[in-house]
């Protein structure tokens, strides 16, 4: 779970503070909704956020292992929609969840 709250609003952007697990004993992160360019980004990660990074090779190995397990169960391989990674992947776990919720609110 991630908690977030609006802290700054102007015609160009809206800034949010976010808290992983709603734990306020750690420094929060900030997310900015750029209204002009219609993008949402992490401005500063929260102290307790978790950085996730995998190379394209690691992700392909993960997908191959999952497809092998599915094959054993008689299921088809995953589609690109089910496993949408191309290339390297990196993100902050909690910020990504907050951004997804904000994107719903702002129609992104």
PDB file of N, CA and C in Angstrom:
ATOM      1  N   UNK A   1       0.832  -1.171   0.000  1.00  0.00           N
ATOM      2  CA  UNK A   1       0.000   0.000   0.000  1.00  0.00           C
ATOM      3  C   UNK A   1       0.885   1.246   0.000  1.00  0.00           C
ATOM      4  N   UNK A   2       0.421   2.243  -0.691  1.00  0.00           N
ATOM      5  CA  UNK A   2       1.125   3.517  -0.708  1.00  0.00           C
ATOM      6  C   UNK A   2       0.106   4.623  -0.467  1.00  0.00           C
ATOM      7  N   UNK A   3       0.467   5.568   0.379  1.00  0.00           N
ATOM      8  CA  UNK A   3      -0.404   6.720   0.646  1.00  0.00           C
ATOM      9  C   UNK A   3       0.214   7.934  -0.041  1.00  0.00           C
ATOM     10  N   UNK A   4      -0.637   8.808  -0.554  1.00  0.00           N
ATOM     11  CA  UNK A   4      -0.118  10.028  -1.163  1.00  0.00           C
ATOM     12  C   UNK A   4      -1.068  11.174  -0.873  1.00  0.00           C
ATOM     13  N   UNK A   5      -0.506  12.392  -0.904  1.00  0.00           N
ATOM     14  CA  UNK A   5      -1.308  13.581  -0.622  1.00  0.00           C
ATOM     15  C   UNK A   5      -0.814  14.734  -1.488  1.00  0.00           C
ATOM     16  N   UNK A   6      -1.728  15.534  -1.931  1.00  0.00           N
ATOM     17  CA  UNK A   6      -1.383  16.692  -2.765  1.00  0.00           C
ATOM     18  C   UNK A   6      -0.744  17.761  -1.885  1.00  0.00           C
ATOM     19  N   UNK A   7       0.373  18.335  -2.348  1.00  0.00           N
ATOM     20  CA  UNK A   7       1.060  19.351  -1.552  1.00  0.00           C
ATOM     21  C   UNK A   7       1.237  20.673  -2.288  1.00  0.00           C
ATOM     22  N   UNK A   8       1.071  20.675  -3.616  1.00  0.00           N
ATOM     23  CA  UNK A   8       1.277  21.909  -4.366  1.00  0.00           C
ATOM     24  C   UNK A   8       0.481  21.834  -5.663  1.00  0.00           C
ATOM     25  N   UNK A   9      -0.217  22.924  -5.978  1.00  0.00           N
ATOM     26  CA  UNK A   9      -1.018  22.974  -7.202  1.00  0.00           C
ATOM     27  C   UNK A   9      -0.808  24.318  -7.870  1.00  0.00           C
ATOM     28  N   UNK A  10      -0.584  24.288  -9.178  1.00  0.00           N
ATOM     29  CA  UNK A  10      -0.583  25.512  -9.971  1.00  0.00           C
ATOM     30  C   UNK A  10      -1.020  25.146 -11.385  1.00  0.00           C
ATOM     31  N   UNK A  11      -1.176  26.083 -12.281  1.00  0.00           N
ATOM     32  CA  UNK A  11      -1.683  25.747 -13.620  1.00  0.00           C
ATOM     33  C   UNK A  11      -0.780  24.821 -14.434  1.00  0.00           C
ATOM     34  N   UNK A  12       0.489  24.717 -14.068  1.00  0.00           N
ATOM     35  CA  UNK A  12       1.425  23.890 -14.830  1.00  0.00           C
ATOM     36  C   UNK A  12       1.611  22.481 -14.274  1.00  0.00           C
ATOM     37  N   UNK A  13       1.513  22.330 -12.949  1.00  0.00           N
ATOM     38  CA  UNK A  13       1.742  21.009 -12.360  1.00  0.00           C
ATOM     39  C   UNK A  13       1.038  20.861 -11.022  1.00  0.00           C
ATOM     40  N   UNK A  14       0.947  19.599 -10.604  1.00  0.00           N
ATOM     41  CA  UNK A  14       0.453  19.246  -9.273  1.00  0.00           C
ATOM     42  C   UNK A  14       1.514  18.338  -8.661  1.00  0.00           C
ATOM     43  N   UNK A  15       1.909  18.638  -7.442  1.00  0.00           N
ATOM     44  CA  UNK A  15       2.938  17.852  -6.760  1.00  0.00           C
ATOM     45  C   UNK A  15       2.281  17.080  -5.612  1.00  0.00           C
ATOM     46  N   UNK A  16       2.710  15.822  -5.479  1.00  0.00           N
ATOM     47  CA  UNK A  16       2.220  14.942  -4.415  1.00  0.00           C
ATOM     48  C   UNK A  16       3.389  14.442  -3.581  1.00  0.00           C
ATOM     49  N   UNK A  17       3.129  14.227  -2.324  1.00  0.00           N
ATOM     50  CA  UNK A  17       4.056  13.559  -1.407  1.00  0.00           C
ATOM     51  C   UNK A  17       3.528  12.132  -1.272  1.00  0.00           C
ATOM     52  N   UNK A  18       4.428  11.139  -1.305  1.00  0.00           N
ATOM     53  CA  UNK A  18       3.961   9.758  -1.139  1.00  0.00           C
ATOM     54  C   UNK A  18       4.762   9.026  -0.064  1.00  0.00           C
ATOM     55  N   UNK A  19       4.078   8.087   0.593  1.00  0.00           N
ATOM     56  CA  UNK A  19       4.635   7.337   1.719  1.00  0.00           C
ATOM     57  C   UNK A  19       4.446   5.832   1.497  1.00  0.00           C
ATOM     58  N   UNK A  20       5.526   5.074   1.280  1.00  0.00           N
ATOM     59  CA  UNK A  20       5.393   3.623   1.195  1.00  0.00           C
ATOM     60  C   UNK A  20       4.798   3.064   2.487  1.00  0.00           C
ATOM     61  N   UNK A  21       3.808   2.225   2.334  1.00  0.00           N
ATOM     62  CA  UNK A  21       3.110   1.596   3.474  1.00  0.00           C
ATOM     63  C   UNK A  21       2.546   2.621   4.449  1.00  0.00           C
ATOM     64  N   UNK A  22       2.371   3.846   3.995  1.00  0.00           N
ATOM     65  CA  UNK A  22       1.869   4.945   4.828  1.00  0.00           C
ATOM     66  C   UNK A  22       2.718   5.119   6.093  1.00  0.00           C
ATOM     67  N   UNK A  23       3.992   4.761   5.989  1.00  0.00           N
ATOM     68  CA  UNK A  23       4.913   4.847   7.123  1.00  0.00           C
ATOM     69  C   UNK A  23       5.556   6.235   7.122  1.00  0.00           C
ATOM     70  N   UNK A  24       5.165   7.060   8.055  1.00  0.00           N
ATOM     71  CA  UNK A  24       5.590   8.454   8.082  1.00  0.00           C
ATOM     72  C   UNK A  24       6.844   8.706   8.914  1.00  0.00           C
ATOM     73  N   UNK A  25       7.473   7.632   9.383  1.00  0.00           N
ATOM     74  CA  UNK A  25       8.729   7.841  10.113  1.00  0.00           C
ATOM     75  C   UNK A  25       9.918   7.959   9.158  1.00  0.00           C
ATOM     76  N   UNK A  26       9.709   7.658   7.868  1.00  0.00           N
ATOM     77  CA  UNK A  26      10.743   7.816   6.844  1.00  0.00           C
ATOM     78  C   UNK A  26      10.404   9.015   5.970  1.00  0.00           C
ATOM     79  N   UNK A  27      11.415   9.589   5.347  1.00  0.00           N
ATOM     80  CA  UNK A  27      11.203  10.745   4.469  1.00  0.00           C
ATOM     81  C   UNK A  27      10.320  10.342   3.287  1.00  0.00           C
ATOM     82  N   UNK A  28       9.320  11.166   2.969  1.00  0.00           N
ATOM     83  CA  UNK A  28       8.440  10.849   1.847  1.00  0.00           C
ATOM     84  C   UNK A  28       9.139  11.134   0.514  1.00  0.00           C
ATOM     85  N   UNK A  29       8.545  10.619  -0.526  1.00  0.00           N
ATOM     86  CA  UNK A  29       8.995  10.948  -1.873  1.00  0.00           C
ATOM     87  C   UNK A  29       8.047  11.958  -2.473  1.00  0.00           C
ATOM     88  N   UNK A  30       8.409  12.502  -3.631  1.00  0.00           N
ATOM     89  CA  UNK A  30       7.507  13.420  -4.331  1.00  0.00           C
ATOM     90  C   UNK A  30       7.307  12.952  -5.761  1.00  0.00           C
ATOM     91  N   UNK A  31       6.092  13.138  -6.202  1.00  0.00           N
ATOM     92  CA  UNK A  31       5.670  12.820  -7.568  1.00  0.00           C
ATOM     93  C   UNK A  31       5.078  14.083  -8.145  1.00  0.00           C
ATOM     94  N   UNK A  32       5.392  14.360  -9.398  1.00  0.00           N
ATOM     95  CA  UNK A  32       4.872  15.560 -10.041  1.00  0.00           C
ATOM     96  C   UNK A  32       4.020  15.169 -11.247  1.00  0.00           C
ATOM     97  N   UNK A  33       2.832  15.775 -11.314  1.00  0.00           N
ATOM     98  CA  UNK A  33       1.944  15.611 -12.459  1.00  0.00           C
ATOM     99  C   UNK A  33       2.128  16.861 -13.315  1.00  0.00           C
ATOM    100  N   UNK A  34       2.761  16.700 -14.452  1.00  0.00           N
ATOM    101  CA  UNK A  34       3.016  17.800 -15.378  1.00  0.00           C
ATOM    102  C   UNK A  34       1.782  17.958 -16.258  1.00  0.00           C
ATOM    103  N   UNK A  35       0.985  18.977 -15.988  1.00  0.00           N
ATOM    104  CA  UNK A  35      -0.276  19.174 -16.699  1.00  0.00           C
ATOM    105  C   UNK A  35      -0.074  19.635 -18.139  1.00  0.00           C
ATOM    106  N   UNK A  36       1.003  20.361 -18.400  1.00  0.00           N
ATOM    107  CA  UNK A  36       1.262  20.849 -19.751  1.00  0.00           C
ATOM    108  C   UNK A  36       1.706  19.731 -20.690  1.00  0.00           C
ATOM    109  N   UNK A  37       2.608  18.881 -20.211  1.00  0.00           N
ATOM    110  CA  UNK A  37       3.145  17.802 -21.050  1.00  0.00           C
ATOM    111  C   UNK A  37       2.417  16.475 -20.865  1.00  0.00           C
ATOM    112  N   UNK A  38       1.485  16.449 -19.913  1.00  0.00           N
ATOM    113  CA  UNK A  38       0.664  15.273 -19.640  1.00  0.00           C
ATOM    114  C   UNK A  38       1.502  14.039 -19.295  1.00  0.00           C
ATOM    115  N   UNK A  39       2.438  14.238 -18.363  1.00  0.00           N
ATOM    116  CA  UNK A  39       3.254  13.135 -17.862  1.00  0.00           C
ATOM    117  C   UNK A  39       3.292  13.179 -16.336  1.00  0.00           C
ATOM    118  N   UNK A  40       3.549  12.035 -15.745  1.00  0.00           N
ATOM    119  CA  UNK A  40       3.660  11.908 -14.293  1.00  0.00           C
ATOM    120  C   UNK A  40       4.997  11.243 -14.001  1.00  0.00           C
ATOM    121  N   UNK A  41       5.809  11.865 -13.145  1.00  0.00           N
ATOM    122  CA  UNK A  41       7.150  11.352 -12.856  1.00  0.00           C
ATOM    123  C   UNK A  41       7.482  11.429 -11.374  1.00  0.00           C
ATOM    124  N   UNK A  42       8.444  10.602 -10.983  1.00  0.00           N
ATOM    125  CA  UNK A  42       9.007  10.675  -9.640  1.00  0.00           C
ATOM    126  C   UNK A  42       9.976  11.851  -9.635  1.00  0.00           C
ATOM    127  N   UNK A  43       9.739  12.773  -8.736  1.00  0.00           N
ATOM    128  CA  UNK A  43      10.646  13.903  -8.585  1.00  0.00           C
ATOM    129  C   UNK A  43      11.769  13.538  -7.600  1.00  0.00           C
ATOM    130  N   UNK A  44      11.376  12.874  -6.519  1.00  0.00           N
ATOM    131  CA  UNK A  44      12.328  12.422  -5.501  1.00  0.00           C
ATOM    132  C   UNK A  44      11.771  11.131  -4.902  1.00  0.00           C
ATOM    133  N   UNK A  45      12.524  10.032  -4.930  1.00  0.00           N
ATOM    134  CA  UNK A  45      12.001   8.793  -4.352  1.00  0.00           C
ATOM    135  C   UNK A  45      11.920   8.874  -2.826  1.00  0.00           C
ATOM    136  N   UNK A  46      10.966   8.170  -2.265  1.00  0.00           N
ATOM    137  CA  UNK A  46      10.826   8.099  -0.818  1.00  0.00           C
ATOM    138  C   UNK A  46      11.977   7.289  -0.230  1.00  0.00           C
ATOM    139  N   UNK A  47      12.342   7.643   0.974  1.00  0.00           N
ATOM    140  CA  UNK A  47      13.446   6.956   1.662  1.00  0.00           C
ATOM    141  C   UNK A  47      13.197   5.450   1.756  1.00  0.00           C
ATOM    142  N   UNK A  48      11.954   5.040   1.981  1.00  0.00           N
ATOM    143  CA  UNK A  48      11.636   3.626   2.170  1.00  0.00           C
ATOM    144  C   UNK A  48      11.173   2.934   0.895  1.00  0.00           C
ATOM    145  N   UNK A  49      11.246   3.618  -0.248  1.00  0.00           N
ATOM    146  CA  UNK A  49      10.829   2.983  -1.500  1.00  0.00           C
ATOM    147  C   UNK A  49      11.864   1.932  -1.901  1.00  0.00           C
ATOM    148  N   UNK A  50      11.462   1.006  -2.720  1.00  0.00           N
ATOM    149  CA  UNK A  50      12.320  -0.088  -3.156  1.00  0.00           C
ATOM    150  C   UNK A  50      12.604   0.081  -4.642  1.00  0.00           C
ATOM    151  N   UNK A  51      13.874   0.136  -4.997  1.00  0.00           N
ATOM    152  CA  UNK A  51      14.267   0.272  -6.399  1.00  0.00           C
ATOM    153  C   UNK A  51      14.387  -1.109  -7.011  1.00  0.00           C
ATOM    154  N   UNK A  52      13.725  -1.297  -8.122  1.00  0.00           N
ATOM    155  CA  UNK A  52      13.673  -2.572  -8.833  1.00  0.00           C
ATOM    156  C   UNK A  52      14.372  -2.373 -10.172  1.00  0.00           C
ATOM    157  N   UNK A  53      15.376  -3.176 -10.472  1.00  0.00           N
ATOM    158  CA  UNK A  53      16.058  -3.077 -11.766  1.00  0.00           C
ATOM    159  C   UNK A  53      16.461  -4.470 -12.234  1.00  0.00           C
ATOM    160  N   UNK A  54      16.114  -4.765 -13.475  1.00  0.00           N
ATOM    161  CA  UNK A  54      16.505  -6.029 -14.112  1.00  0.00           C
ATOM    162  C   UNK A  54      16.910  -5.745 -15.537  1.00  0.00           C
ATOM    163  N   UNK A  55      17.923  -6.457 -15.990  1.00  0.00           N
ATOM    164  CA  UNK A  55      18.361  -6.308 -17.377  1.00  0.00           C
ATOM    165  C   UNK A  55      17.379  -7.044 -18.289  1.00  0.00           C
ATOM    166  N   UNK A  56      17.449  -6.731 -19.573  1.00  0.00           N
ATOM    167  CA  UNK A  56      16.604  -7.412 -20.556  1.00  0.00           C
ATOM    168  C   UNK A  56      16.874  -8.917 -20.526  1.00  0.00           C
ATOM    169  N   UNK A  57      18.132  -9.287 -20.338  1.00  0.00           N
ATOM    170  CA  UNK A  57      18.495 -10.709 -20.282  1.00  0.00           C
ATOM    171  C   UNK A  57      17.844 -11.396 -19.079  1.00  0.00           C
ATOM    172  N   UNK A  58      17.878 -10.747 -17.918  1.00  0.00           N
ATOM    173  CA  UNK A  58      17.245 -11.315 -16.719  1.00  0.00           C
ATOM    174  C   UNK A  58      15.739 -11.455 -16.919  1.00  0.00           C
ATOM    175  N   UNK A  59      15.127 -10.465 -17.512  1.00  0.00           N
ATOM    176  CA  UNK A  59      13.684 -10.528 -17.743  1.00  0.00           C
ATOM    177  C   UNK A  59      13.333 -11.635 -18.726  1.00  0.00           C
ATOM    178  N   UNK A  60      14.154 -11.826 -19.750  1.00  0.00           N
ATOM    179  CA  UNK A  60      13.899 -12.906 -20.706  1.00  0.00           C
ATOM    180  C   UNK A  60      14.036 -14.258 -20.036  1.00  0.00           C
ATOM    181  N   UNK A  61      15.028 -14.412 -19.154  1.00  0.00           N
ATOM    182  CA  UNK A  61      15.195 -15.662 -18.413  1.00  0.00           C
ATOM    183  C   UNK A  61      13.979 -15.922 -17.520  1.00  0.00           C
ATOM    184  N   UNK A  62      13.466 -14.860 -16.884  1.00  0.00           N
ATOM    185  CA  UNK A  62      12.289 -14.985 -16.035  1.00  0.00           C
ATOM    186  C   UNK A  62      11.085 -15.431 -16.868  1.00  0.00           C
ATOM    187  N   UNK A  63      10.906 -14.797 -18.022  1.00  0.00           N
ATOM    188  CA  UNK A  63       9.772 -15.149 -18.887  1.00  0.00           C
ATOM    189  C   UNK A  63       9.913 -16.592 -19.371  1.00  0.00           C
ATOM    190  N   UNK A  64      11.112 -17.000 -19.777  1.00  0.00           N
ATOM    191  CA  UNK A  64      11.329 -18.372 -20.236  1.00  0.00           C
ATOM    192  C   UNK A  64      10.988 -19.376 -19.145  1.00  0.00           C
ATOM    193  N   UNK A  65      11.390 -19.091 -17.906  1.00  0.00           N
ATOM    194  CA  UNK A  65      11.095 -19.994 -16.788  1.00  0.00           C
ATOM    195  C   UNK A  65       9.589 -20.069 -16.532  1.00  0.00           C
ATOM    196  N   UNK A  66       8.925 -18.934 -16.611  1.00  0.00           N
ATOM    197  CA  UNK A  66       7.473 -18.926 -16.391  1.00  0.00           C
ATOM    198  C   UNK A  66       6.756 -19.658 -17.523  1.00  0.00           C
ATOM    199  N   UNK A  67       7.222 -19.478 -18.754  1.00  0.00           N
ATOM    200  CA  UNK A  67       6.617 -20.188 -19.886  1.00  0.00           C
ATOM    201  C   UNK A  67       6.828 -21.697 -19.778  1.00  0.00           C
ATOM    202  N   UNK A  68       8.002 -22.112 -19.297  1.00  0.00           N
ATOM    203  CA  UNK A  68       8.270 -23.543 -19.110  1.00  0.00           C
ATOM    204  C   UNK A  68       7.320 -24.126 -18.062  1.00  0.00           C
ATOM    205  N   UNK A  69       7.106 -23.394 -16.992  1.00  0.00           N
ATOM    206  CA  UNK A  69       6.170 -23.847 -15.947  1.00  0.00           C
ATOM    207  C   UNK A  69       4.751 -23.935 -16.502  1.00  0.00           C
ATOM    208  N   UNK A  70       4.368 -22.953 -17.293  1.00  0.00           N
ATOM    209  CA  UNK A  70       3.031 -22.974 -17.909  1.00  0.00           C
ATOM    210  C   UNK A  70       2.891 -24.160 -18.859  1.00  0.00           C
ATOM    211  N   UNK A  71       3.937 -24.452 -19.617  1.00  0.00           N
ATOM    212  CA  UNK A  71       3.902 -25.581 -20.555  1.00  0.00           C
ATOM    213  C   UNK A  71       3.684 -26.892 -19.810  1.00  0.00           C
ATOM    214  N   UNK A  72       4.341 -27.032 -18.648  1.00  0.00           N
ATOM    215  CA  UNK A  72       4.156 -28.236 -17.828  1.00  0.00           C
ATOM    216  C   UNK A  72       2.706 -28.385 -17.382  1.00  0.00           C
ATOM    217  N   UNK A  73       2.016 -27.267 -17.229  1.00  0.00           N
ATOM    218  CA  UNK A  73       0.611 -27.278 -16.798  1.00  0.00           C
ATOM    219  C   UNK A  73      -0.345 -27.330 -17.991  1.00  0.00           C
ATOM    220  N   UNK A  74       0.204 -27.414 -19.202  1.00  0.00           N
ATOM    221  CA  UNK A  74      -0.621 -27.477 -20.396  1.00  0.00           C
ATOM    222  C   UNK A  74      -1.175 -26.120 -20.825  1.00  0.00           C
ATOM    223  N   UNK A  75      -0.566 -25.055 -20.351  1.00  0.00           N
ATOM    224  CA  UNK A  75      -1.003 -23.702 -20.690  1.00  0.00           C
ATOM    225  C   UNK A  75      -0.115 -23.120 -21.780  1.00  0.00           C
ATOM    226  N   UNK A  76      -0.654 -22.193 -22.564  1.00  0.00           N
ATOM    227  CA  UNK A  76       0.172 -21.562 -23.607  1.00  0.00           C
ATOM    228  C   UNK A  76       1.190 -20.603 -22.998  1.00  0.00           C
ATOM    229  N   UNK A  77       2.192 -20.274 -23.801  1.00  0.00           N
ATOM    230  CA  UNK A  77       3.190 -19.288 -23.378  1.00  0.00           C
ATOM    231  C   UNK A  77       2.501 -17.951 -23.156  1.00  0.00           C
ATOM    232  N   UNK A  78       3.101 -17.126 -22.322  1.00  0.00           N
ATOM    233  CA  UNK A  78       2.535 -15.798 -22.060  1.00  0.00           C
ATOM    234  C   UNK A  78       2.592 -14.928 -23.313  1.00  0.00           C
ATOM    235  N   UNK A  79       1.621 -14.075 -23.426  1.00  0.00           N
ATOM    236  CA  UNK A  79       1.616 -13.114 -24.522  1.00  0.00           C
ATOM    237  C   UNK A  79       2.437 -11.890 -24.108  1.00  0.00           C
ATOM    238  N   UNK A  80       2.726 -11.032 -25.068  1.00  0.00           N
ATOM    239  CA  UNK A  80       3.440  -9.795 -24.747  1.00  0.00           C
ATOM    240  C   UNK A  80       2.620  -8.913 -23.816  1.00  0.00           C
ATOM    241  N   UNK A  81       1.298  -9.006 -23.901  1.00  0.00           N
ATOM    242  CA  UNK A  81       0.438  -8.222 -23.009  1.00  0.00           C
ATOM    243  C   UNK A  81       0.550  -8.723 -21.566  1.00  0.00           C
ATOM    244  N   UNK A  82       0.755 -10.020 -21.392  1.00  0.00           N
ATOM    245  CA  UNK A  82       0.878 -10.585 -20.049  1.00  0.00           C
ATOM    246  C   UNK A  82       2.265 -10.357 -19.444  1.00  0.00           C
ATOM    247  N   UNK A  83       3.256 -10.207 -20.288  1.00  0.00           N
ATOM    248  CA  UNK A  83       4.633  -9.967 -19.843  1.00  0.00           C
ATOM    249  C   UNK A  83       5.210  -8.888 -20.749  1.00  0.00           C
ATOM    250  N   UNK A  84       4.890  -7.628 -20.478  1.00  0.00           N
ATOM    251  CA  UNK A  84       5.140  -6.542 -21.428  1.00  0.00           C
ATOM    252  C   UNK A  84       6.529  -5.910 -21.433  1.00  0.00           C
ATOM    253  N   UNK A  85       7.517  -6.538 -20.840  1.00  0.00           N
ATOM    254  CA  UNK A  85       8.838  -5.912 -20.768  1.00  0.00           C
ATOM    255  C   UNK A  85       9.610  -6.041 -22.071  1.00  0.00           C
ATOM    256  N   UNK A  86      10.207  -4.951 -22.479  1.00  0.00           N
ATOM    257  CA  UNK A  86      11.144  -4.941 -23.598  1.00  0.00           C
ATOM    258  C   UNK A  86      12.366  -4.177 -23.123  1.00  0.00           C
ATOM    259  N   UNK A  87      13.509  -4.780 -23.210  1.00  0.00           N
ATOM    260  CA  UNK A  87      14.711  -4.108 -22.748  1.00  0.00           C
ATOM    261  C   UNK A  87      14.809  -4.138 -21.235  1.00  0.00           C
ATOM    262  N   UNK A  88      15.708  -3.321 -20.721  1.00  0.00           N
ATOM    263  CA  UNK A  88      15.908  -3.234 -19.279  1.00  0.00           C
ATOM    264  C   UNK A  88      14.678  -2.620 -18.617  1.00  0.00           C
ATOM    265  N   UNK A  89      14.466  -2.961 -17.363  1.00  0.00           N
ATOM    266  CA  UNK A  89      13.335  -2.409 -16.622  1.00  0.00           C
ATOM    267  C   UNK A  89      13.813  -1.929 -15.264  1.00  0.00           C
ATOM    268  N   UNK A  90      13.401  -0.726 -14.897  1.00  0.00           N
ATOM    269  CA  UNK A  90      13.766  -0.175 -13.595  1.00  0.00           C
ATOM    270  C   UNK A  90      12.668   0.762 -13.125  1.00  0.00           C
ATOM    271  N   UNK A  91      12.373   0.713 -11.845  1.00  0.00           N
ATOM    272  CA  UNK A  91      11.359   1.607 -11.287  1.00  0.00           C
ATOM    273  C   UNK A  91      11.440   1.568  -9.762  1.00  0.00           C
ATOM    274  N   UNK A  92      10.764   2.510  -9.138  1.00  0.00           N
ATOM    275  CA  UNK A  92      10.560   2.497  -7.699  1.00  0.00           C
ATOM    276  C   UNK A  92       9.197   1.852  -7.467  1.00  0.00           C
ATOM    277  N   UNK A  93       9.148   0.803  -6.689  1.00  0.00           N
ATOM    278  CA  UNK A  93       7.940   0.001  -6.527  1.00  0.00           C
ATOM    279  C   UNK A  93       6.750   0.825  -6.031  1.00  0.00           C
ATOM    280  N   UNK A  94       6.897   1.523  -4.921  1.00  0.00           N
ATOM    281  CA  UNK A  94       5.768   2.254  -4.354  1.00  0.00           C
ATOM    282  C   UNK A  94       5.393   3.463  -5.202  1.00  0.00           C
ATOM    283  N   UNK A  95       6.371   4.157  -5.735  1.00  0.00           N
ATOM    284  CA  UNK A  95       6.080   5.307  -6.596  1.00  0.00           C
ATOM    285  C   UNK A  95       5.293   4.858  -7.818  1.00  0.00           C
ATOM    286  N   UNK A  96       5.635   3.694  -8.363  1.00  0.00           N
ATOM    287  CA  UNK A  96       4.923   3.176  -9.535  1.00  0.00           C
ATOM    288  C   UNK A  96       3.452   2.953  -9.223  1.00  0.00           C
ATOM    289  N   UNK A  97       3.156   2.438  -8.040  1.00  0.00           N
ATOM    290  CA  UNK A  97       1.755   2.231  -7.650  1.00  0.00           C
ATOM    291  C   UNK A  97       1.026   3.570  -7.495  1.00  0.00           C
ATOM    292  N   UNK A  98       1.679   4.523  -6.878  1.00  0.00           N
ATOM    293  CA  UNK A  98       1.057   5.846  -6.722  1.00  0.00           C
ATOM    294  C   UNK A  98       0.827   6.493  -8.088  1.00  0.00           C
ATOM    295  N   UNK A  99       1.794   6.393  -8.974  1.00  0.00           N
ATOM    296  CA  UNK A  99       1.661   6.969 -10.313  1.00  0.00           C
ATOM    297  C   UNK A  99       0.508   6.318 -11.063  1.00  0.00           C
ATOM    298  N   UNK A 100       0.348   5.009 -10.930  1.00  0.00           N
ATOM    299  CA  UNK A 100      -0.757   4.324 -11.595  1.00  0.00           C
ATOM    300  C   UNK A 100      -2.101   4.859 -11.095  1.00  0.00           C
ATOM    301  N   UNK A 101      -2.221   5.070  -9.797  1.00  0.00           N
ATOM    302  CA  UNK A 101      -3.468   5.618  -9.250  1.00  0.00           C
ATOM    303  C   UNK A 101      -3.698   7.054  -9.731  1.00  0.00           C
ATOM    304  N   UNK A 102      -2.653   7.849  -9.732  1.00  0.00           N
ATOM    305  CA  UNK A 102      -2.786   9.226 -10.203  1.00  0.00           C
ATOM    306  C   UNK A 102      -3.121   9.277 -11.689  1.00  0.00           C
ATOM    307  N   UNK A 103      -2.551   8.367 -12.464  1.00  0.00           N
ATOM    308  CA  UNK A 103      -2.834   8.327 -13.901  1.00  0.00           C
ATOM    309  C   UNK A 103      -4.319   8.059 -14.147  1.00  0.00           C
ATOM    310  N   UNK A 104      -4.916   7.216 -13.326  1.00  0.00           N
ATOM    311  CA  UNK A 104      -6.367   6.973 -13.447  1.00  0.00           C
ATOM    312  C   UNK A 104      -7.139   8.263 -13.200  1.00  0.00           C
ATOM    313  N   UNK A 105      -6.732   9.007 -12.200  1.00  0.00           N
ATOM    314  CA  UNK A 105      -7.427  10.256 -11.854  1.00  0.00           C
ATOM    315  C   UNK A 105      -7.309  11.297 -12.945  1.00  0.00           C
ATOM    316  N   UNK A 106      -6.152  11.337 -13.604  1.00  0.00           N
ATOM    317  CA  UNK A 106      -5.910  12.366 -14.617  1.00  0.00           C
ATOM    318  C   UNK A 106      -6.069  11.862 -16.033  1.00  0.00           C
ATOM    319  N   UNK A 107      -6.585  10.661 -16.168  1.00  0.00           N
ATOM    320  CA  UNK A 107      -6.868  10.109 -17.494  1.00  0.00           C
ATOM    321  C   UNK A 107      -5.636   9.885 -18.347  1.00  0.00           C
ATOM    322  N   UNK A 108      -4.551   9.451 -17.752  1.00  0.00           N
ATOM    323  CA  UNK A 108      -3.297   9.205 -18.485  1.00  0.00           C
ATOM    324  C   UNK A 108      -3.142   7.740 -18.743  1.00  0.00           C
TER     325      UNK A 108
END
